[in-house]
N, C-alpha and C. Protein backbone atom coordinates (compact mmCIF):
# COMPACT_ATOMS: atom_id res chain seq x y z
N MET A 1 -21.13 -4.32 28.70
CA MET A 1 -21.53 -3.43 27.19
C MET A 1 -20.27 -2.97 26.83
N VAL A 2 -20.01 -3.03 25.42
CA VAL A 2 -19.08 -2.88 24.61
C VAL A 2 -18.96 -1.12 24.56
N GLY A 3 -17.59 -0.77 24.91
CA GLY A 3 -17.43 0.67 24.83
C GLY A 3 -17.31 1.28 23.50
N PRO A 4 -16.95 2.51 23.07
CA PRO A 4 -16.94 3.25 21.95
C PRO A 4 -15.59 2.67 20.81
N TRP A 5 -15.55 2.44 19.82
CA TRP A 5 -14.71 1.83 18.89
C TRP A 5 -13.36 3.13 19.02
N PRO A 6 -12.36 2.44 19.19
CA PRO A 6 -10.99 3.17 19.63
C PRO A 6 -10.48 3.95 18.24
N ALA A 7 -10.99 3.40 17.25
CA ALA A 7 -10.31 4.19 15.87
C ALA A 7 -11.18 4.58 14.95
N ALA A 8 -10.71 5.77 14.31
CA ALA A 8 -11.68 6.19 13.01
C ALA A 8 -11.76 5.24 12.05
N PRO A 9 -12.90 4.81 11.12
CA PRO A 9 -13.30 4.20 10.34
C PRO A 9 -12.31 4.18 8.98
N TYR A 10 -11.79 3.30 8.53
CA TYR A 10 -11.10 3.24 7.07
C TYR A 10 -9.70 3.97 7.17
N THR A 11 -9.10 3.49 8.49
CA THR A 11 -7.71 3.99 8.86
C THR A 11 -6.82 2.78 9.02
N PHE A 12 -5.77 2.99 9.10
CA PHE A 12 -4.62 1.88 9.27
C PHE A 12 -4.85 1.53 10.72
N ARG A 13 -5.10 2.46 11.47
CA ARG A 13 -5.43 2.23 13.08
C ARG A 13 -6.35 0.92 13.03
N ALA A 14 -7.57 1.22 12.40
CA ALA A 14 -8.94 0.66 12.53
C ALA A 14 -8.51 -0.91 12.08
N LEU A 15 -7.60 -1.14 10.88
CA LEU A 15 -7.41 -2.19 10.19
C LEU A 15 -6.28 -3.17 11.33
N ARG A 16 -5.22 -2.29 11.88
CA ARG A 16 -4.28 -2.97 12.75
C ARG A 16 -5.17 -3.18 13.85
N LYS A 17 -6.44 -2.88 14.47
CA LYS A 17 -7.15 -3.25 15.82
C LYS A 17 -7.91 -4.63 15.15
N THR A 18 -8.34 -4.25 14.23
CA THR A 18 -9.22 -5.61 13.70
C THR A 18 -8.34 -6.84 13.21
N PHE A 19 -7.13 -6.44 12.26
CA PHE A 19 -6.63 -7.84 11.63
C PHE A 19 -5.62 -7.96 12.49
N GLY A 20 -4.74 -7.15 12.79
CA GLY A 20 -3.20 -7.39 13.46
C GLY A 20 -2.16 -6.85 12.48
N SER A 21 -1.49 -7.74 12.27
CA SER A 21 -0.09 -7.42 11.18
C SER A 21 -0.96 -7.14 10.00
N MET A 22 -0.19 -6.40 9.22
CA MET A 22 -0.27 -6.16 7.78
C MET A 22 1.25 -6.26 6.76
N TRP A 23 0.61 -6.67 5.47
CA TRP A 23 1.72 -6.74 4.60
C TRP A 23 1.80 -5.92 3.54
N LEU A 24 2.71 -5.83 2.89
CA LEU A 24 2.53 -5.06 1.46
C LEU A 24 3.46 -6.45 0.13
N ARG A 25 2.42 -6.52 -0.96
CA ARG A 25 3.19 -7.85 -1.89
C ARG A 25 3.25 -7.10 -2.94
N CYS A 26 4.08 -7.65 -3.62
CA CYS A 26 4.41 -6.84 -5.22
C CYS A 26 4.25 -8.06 -5.92
N ASP A 27 3.15 -8.16 -7.07
CA ASP A 27 2.91 -9.26 -7.41
C ASP A 27 3.80 -9.26 -8.76
N SER A 28 4.63 -8.11 -9.22
CA SER A 28 5.51 -8.35 -10.39
C SER A 28 6.61 -9.20 -9.96
N CYS A 29 7.36 -8.65 -9.00
CA CYS A 29 8.33 -9.41 -8.81
C CYS A 29 8.45 -10.51 -7.59
N ARG A 30 7.17 -10.67 -7.04
CA ARG A 30 6.87 -11.81 -6.18
C ARG A 30 7.60 -11.73 -4.86
N ARG A 31 7.24 -10.63 -4.29
CA ARG A 31 7.94 -10.23 -3.01
C ARG A 31 6.70 -9.83 -1.84
N PHE A 32 7.13 -9.87 -0.59
CA PHE A 32 6.11 -9.16 0.32
C PHE A 32 7.22 -8.73 1.52
N ALA A 33 6.68 -7.91 2.46
CA ALA A 33 7.25 -7.44 3.32
C ALA A 33 6.15 -6.79 4.32
N PRO A 34 6.46 -7.03 5.74
CA PRO A 34 5.77 -6.55 6.62
C PRO A 34 5.49 -5.16 6.74
N LEU A 35 4.21 -4.44 6.98
CA LEU A 35 3.66 -3.08 6.74
C LEU A 35 4.29 -2.38 8.11
N ARG A 36 5.30 -1.43 7.68
CA ARG A 36 5.78 -0.69 9.17
C ARG A 36 5.30 0.65 8.69
N LEU A 37 4.43 1.18 9.67
CA LEU A 37 3.99 2.59 9.18
C LEU A 37 4.14 3.67 10.58
N PRO A 38 4.82 4.82 9.88
CA PRO A 38 5.25 5.65 11.20
C PRO A 38 3.75 6.21 11.65
N PRO A 39 3.93 6.70 13.14
CA PRO A 39 2.52 6.80 13.71
C PRO A 39 1.68 8.02 13.17
N GLY A 40 2.20 8.79 12.41
CA GLY A 40 1.40 9.82 11.75
C GLY A 40 0.33 9.02 10.46
N TYR A 41 1.05 7.96 10.29
CA TYR A 41 -0.02 7.35 9.24
C TYR A 41 -0.98 6.47 9.73
N LEU A 42 -1.07 6.01 10.93
CA LEU A 42 -2.06 5.21 11.24
C LEU A 42 -3.33 5.64 11.30
N ASP A 43 -3.46 6.90 11.09
CA ASP A 43 -4.67 7.77 11.38
C ASP A 43 -4.92 8.29 9.72
N ARG A 44 -4.46 7.70 8.63
CA ARG A 44 -5.01 8.14 7.49
C ARG A 44 -5.81 7.10 6.87
N ASP A 45 -6.37 7.61 5.98
CA ASP A 45 -7.38 6.58 5.44
C ASP A 45 -6.54 5.52 4.51
N TYR A 46 -6.77 4.25 4.52
CA TYR A 46 -6.06 3.65 3.76
C TYR A 46 -6.58 3.17 2.23
N ARG A 47 -7.68 4.10 2.11
CA ARG A 47 -8.27 3.63 0.47
C ARG A 47 -7.47 5.11 -0.30
N THR A 48 -6.77 5.79 0.31
CA THR A 48 -6.45 6.87 -0.27
C THR A 48 -4.71 6.79 -0.52
N VAL A 49 -4.16 5.73 0.24
CA VAL A 49 -2.79 5.49 0.04
C VAL A 49 -2.39 4.54 -0.96
N SER A 50 -1.14 4.70 -1.58
CA SER A 50 -0.87 3.64 -2.50
C SER A 50 0.77 3.75 -2.28
N PHE A 51 1.26 2.31 -2.41
CA PHE A 51 2.15 1.85 -1.73
C PHE A 51 2.98 1.05 -3.15
N SER A 52 4.42 1.20 -3.26
CA SER A 52 5.31 0.79 -4.46
C SER A 52 6.18 0.16 -3.72
N CYS A 53 6.65 -0.74 -4.88
CA CYS A 53 7.72 -1.80 -4.43
C CYS A 53 9.22 -1.04 -4.78
N SER A 54 9.86 -1.46 -3.64
CA SER A 54 11.32 -0.67 -3.54
C SER A 54 12.22 -1.60 -4.56
N VAL A 55 11.81 -2.82 -4.79
CA VAL A 55 12.84 -3.43 -6.02
C VAL A 55 12.54 -3.40 -7.43
N CYS A 56 11.26 -3.15 -7.85
CA CYS A 56 10.97 -3.34 -9.14
C CYS A 56 10.21 -1.67 -9.55
N GLY A 57 9.89 -1.43 -8.65
CA GLY A 57 9.03 0.00 -8.68
C GLY A 57 7.55 0.02 -8.98
N GLY A 58 7.12 -1.39 -9.24
CA GLY A 58 5.57 -1.41 -9.48
C GLY A 58 4.79 -1.18 -8.17
N VAL A 59 3.42 -1.25 -8.78
CA VAL A 59 2.49 -1.17 -7.48
C VAL A 59 2.51 -2.40 -6.39
N ALA A 60 2.78 -1.98 -5.13
CA ALA A 60 2.73 -2.79 -4.20
C ALA A 60 1.23 -2.56 -3.76
N GLU A 61 0.59 -4.01 -3.30
CA GLU A 61 -0.97 -4.20 -2.90
C GLU A 61 -0.69 -4.34 -1.35
N HIS A 62 -1.52 -3.39 -0.71
CA HIS A 62 -1.69 -3.64 0.83
C HIS A 62 -2.69 -4.87 1.23
N THR A 63 -2.33 -5.97 2.23
CA THR A 63 -2.96 -7.24 2.24
C THR A 63 -2.92 -7.45 4.04
N VAL A 64 -4.03 -7.83 4.45
CA VAL A 64 -4.06 -8.08 6.09
C VAL A 64 -3.78 -9.54 6.11
N THR A 65 -3.66 -10.30 5.18
CA THR A 65 -3.49 -11.93 5.46
C THR A 65 -1.91 -12.19 4.95
N HIS A 66 -1.23 -12.93 5.69
CA HIS A 66 0.22 -13.55 5.10
C HIS A 66 0.13 -14.02 3.93
N PRO A 67 0.89 -13.75 2.95
CA PRO A 67 0.87 -14.23 1.41
C PRO A 67 1.18 -15.80 1.59
N HIS A 68 2.05 -16.24 2.52
CA HIS A 68 2.22 -17.83 2.56
C HIS A 68 0.69 -18.67 2.76
N THR A 69 -0.17 -17.87 3.44
CA THR A 69 -1.36 -18.46 3.95
C THR A 69 -2.36 -18.31 2.72
N GLU A 70 -2.10 -17.67 1.57
CA GLU A 70 -2.96 -17.70 0.39
C GLU A 70 -2.36 -18.50 -0.48
N THR A 71 -3.61 -19.38 -1.13
CA THR A 71 -3.47 -20.24 -2.31
C THR A 71 -2.64 -19.90 -3.50
N GLY A 72 -1.38 -20.13 -3.75
CA GLY A 72 -0.62 -19.86 -5.03
C GLY A 72 0.45 -18.91 -4.69
N MET A 73 0.74 -18.59 -3.38
CA MET A 73 1.49 -17.48 -3.17
C MET A 73 2.73 -17.86 -2.35
N ASP A 74 2.85 -19.37 -2.44
CA ASP A 74 3.84 -19.64 -1.36
C ASP A 74 5.16 -19.59 -2.02
N ASP A 75 5.36 -19.08 -3.34
CA ASP A 75 6.62 -18.98 -3.82
C ASP A 75 6.98 -17.35 -3.44
N TYR A 76 6.35 -16.42 -3.07
CA TYR A 76 6.62 -15.07 -2.89
C TYR A 76 7.78 -15.00 -1.73
N ARG A 77 8.69 -14.46 -2.03
CA ARG A 77 9.85 -14.27 -0.81
C ARG A 77 9.65 -13.04 -0.12
N GLU A 78 10.14 -12.93 1.15
CA GLU A 78 9.98 -12.10 2.00
C GLU A 78 11.25 -11.04 1.79
N ASP A 79 10.88 -9.90 1.92
CA ASP A 79 11.86 -8.68 1.65
C ASP A 79 12.28 -8.16 3.19
N VAL A 80 13.46 -8.58 3.61
CA VAL A 80 14.05 -8.53 4.85
C VAL A 80 14.80 -7.50 4.97
N ARG A 81 14.85 -6.36 4.20
CA ARG A 81 15.95 -5.12 4.53
C ARG A 81 15.08 -4.37 5.58
N GLU A 82 15.92 -4.02 6.26
CA GLU A 82 15.50 -2.90 7.44
C GLU A 82 15.08 -1.78 7.00
N GLN A 83 15.91 -1.01 6.00
CA GLN A 83 15.69 0.54 5.46
C GLN A 83 15.52 0.54 3.99
N PRO A 84 14.65 -0.18 3.47
CA PRO A 84 14.60 -0.25 2.07
C PRO A 84 14.59 1.20 1.33
N GLU A 85 15.17 1.59 0.38
CA GLU A 85 14.86 2.86 -0.31
C GLU A 85 14.01 2.89 -1.29
N ARG A 86 13.49 4.11 -1.48
CA ARG A 86 12.30 4.07 -2.78
C ARG A 86 12.98 3.57 -4.00
N HIS A 87 12.47 3.26 -4.78
CA HIS A 87 12.86 2.80 -6.29
C HIS A 87 12.85 4.16 -7.15
N PRO A 88 13.87 4.53 -7.79
CA PRO A 88 13.93 5.59 -8.73
C PRO A 88 12.75 5.82 -9.71
N LYS A 89 11.83 4.74 -10.18
CA LYS A 89 10.78 4.72 -10.69
C LYS A 89 9.79 5.59 -10.05
N ALA A 90 9.51 4.70 -9.04
CA ALA A 90 8.61 5.23 -8.26
C ALA A 90 8.77 6.71 -7.32
N HIS A 91 9.85 7.03 -7.27
CA HIS A 91 10.18 8.38 -6.66
C HIS A 91 9.95 9.41 -7.80
N ALA A 92 10.43 8.90 -9.12
CA ALA A 92 9.51 9.82 -10.08
C ALA A 92 8.07 10.07 -10.38
N ARG A 93 7.40 9.08 -10.24
CA ARG A 93 5.94 8.99 -10.26
C ARG A 93 5.55 9.77 -8.88
N ILE A 94 6.11 9.73 -7.89
CA ILE A 94 5.60 10.68 -6.74
C ILE A 94 5.60 12.15 -7.00
N LEU A 95 6.99 12.17 -7.48
CA LEU A 95 7.34 13.93 -7.63
C LEU A 95 6.49 14.26 -9.04
N GLY A 96 6.10 13.62 -9.95
CA GLY A 96 5.33 14.15 -10.71
C GLY A 96 6.13 14.30 -12.13
N ALA A 97 7.38 13.51 -12.12
CA ALA A 97 8.19 13.75 -13.44
C ALA A 97 7.89 12.88 -14.45
N ASP A 98 7.15 12.05 -14.31
CA ASP A 98 6.59 10.96 -15.30
C ASP A 98 5.25 11.47 -16.09
N ARG A 99 4.77 12.47 -15.54
CA ARG A 99 3.19 13.05 -15.96
C ARG A 99 3.57 13.84 -17.50
N GLN A 100 2.74 13.38 -18.21
CA GLN A 100 2.57 14.21 -19.26
C GLN A 100 0.96 15.35 -19.31
N PRO A 101 1.32 16.31 -19.94
CA PRO A 101 0.31 17.38 -19.65
C PRO A 101 -1.09 16.75 -20.11
N GLY A 102 -2.37 16.46 -19.88
CA GLY A 102 -3.28 16.01 -20.65
C GLY A 102 -3.79 14.81 -20.09
N ARG A 103 -2.91 13.94 -19.26
CA ARG A 103 -3.29 12.78 -18.80
C ARG A 103 -4.57 12.51 -17.90
N ALA A 104 -5.59 11.59 -18.09
CA ALA A 104 -6.62 11.66 -17.39
C ALA A 104 -6.39 11.32 -15.90
N SER A 105 -5.26 11.13 -15.37
CA SER A 105 -5.27 10.86 -14.10
C SER A 105 -4.91 12.14 -13.52
N GLU A 106 -4.72 13.02 -14.18
CA GLU A 106 -4.41 14.48 -13.51
C GLU A 106 -6.11 15.12 -13.13
N PHE A 107 -6.87 14.67 -13.80
CA PHE A 107 -8.12 15.49 -13.87
C PHE A 107 -9.33 14.21 -13.01
N VAL A 108 -9.05 13.38 -12.95
CA VAL A 108 -9.76 12.54 -11.89
C VAL A 108 -9.53 12.72 -10.35
N PRO A 109 -10.65 12.94 -9.63
CA PRO A 109 -10.52 13.26 -8.19
C PRO A 109 -10.00 12.01 -7.66
N PRO A 110 -8.98 12.19 -6.48
CA PRO A 110 -8.38 11.11 -5.60
C PRO A 110 -9.47 10.02 -5.38
N ALA A 111 -10.84 10.70 -4.76
CA ALA A 111 -11.76 9.52 -4.28
C ALA A 111 -12.16 8.60 -5.41
N ASP A 112 -12.02 9.02 -6.57
CA ASP A 112 -12.60 8.49 -7.70
C ASP A 112 -11.47 7.56 -8.32
N ARG A 113 -10.45 7.55 -8.17
CA ARG A 113 -9.36 6.63 -9.06
C ARG A 113 -9.41 5.63 -9.06
N HIS A 114 -9.74 4.93 -8.00
CA HIS A 114 -10.24 3.43 -7.76
C HIS A 114 -11.12 3.03 -8.91
N LYS A 115 -12.03 3.83 -9.24
CA LYS A 115 -13.19 3.57 -10.15
C LYS A 115 -12.87 3.21 -11.48
N PHE A 116 -11.46 3.77 -11.75
CA PHE A 116 -10.91 3.77 -13.24
C PHE A 116 -9.61 2.81 -13.06
N GLY A 117 -9.46 2.07 -12.02
CA GLY A 117 -8.14 1.48 -12.06
C GLY A 117 -6.73 1.78 -11.67
N ARG A 118 -6.98 3.28 -11.29
CA ARG A 118 -5.53 4.20 -11.04
C ARG A 118 -5.33 4.15 -9.25
N ARG A 119 -4.14 4.21 -9.01
CA ARG A 119 -4.13 4.47 -7.65
C ARG A 119 -3.17 5.80 -7.32
């Protein structure tokens, strides 16, 4: 008989238990990096967390497959930096410096942002 599932659903811990290693990929600058999460992030809902590229500041997609195993992604380069720093554009976005009053992203609940293409 199988015991209870050790991780809450929709968490990074559940993804790691199911798929193993995970990666972040940036389609703008065609780079990828292994996803290294601090222990506190393992129990977060992966559907509400967004990532940004430390090279170009664009949106980084979370993936459970190695980019070189996907068709058409063999030209992606691995970012091997140990401690990459946050891109200034992404840092400003996180702090809210680039927001203008009245933007729709301020009024859409976080749980519904994926429906409108916003992260």
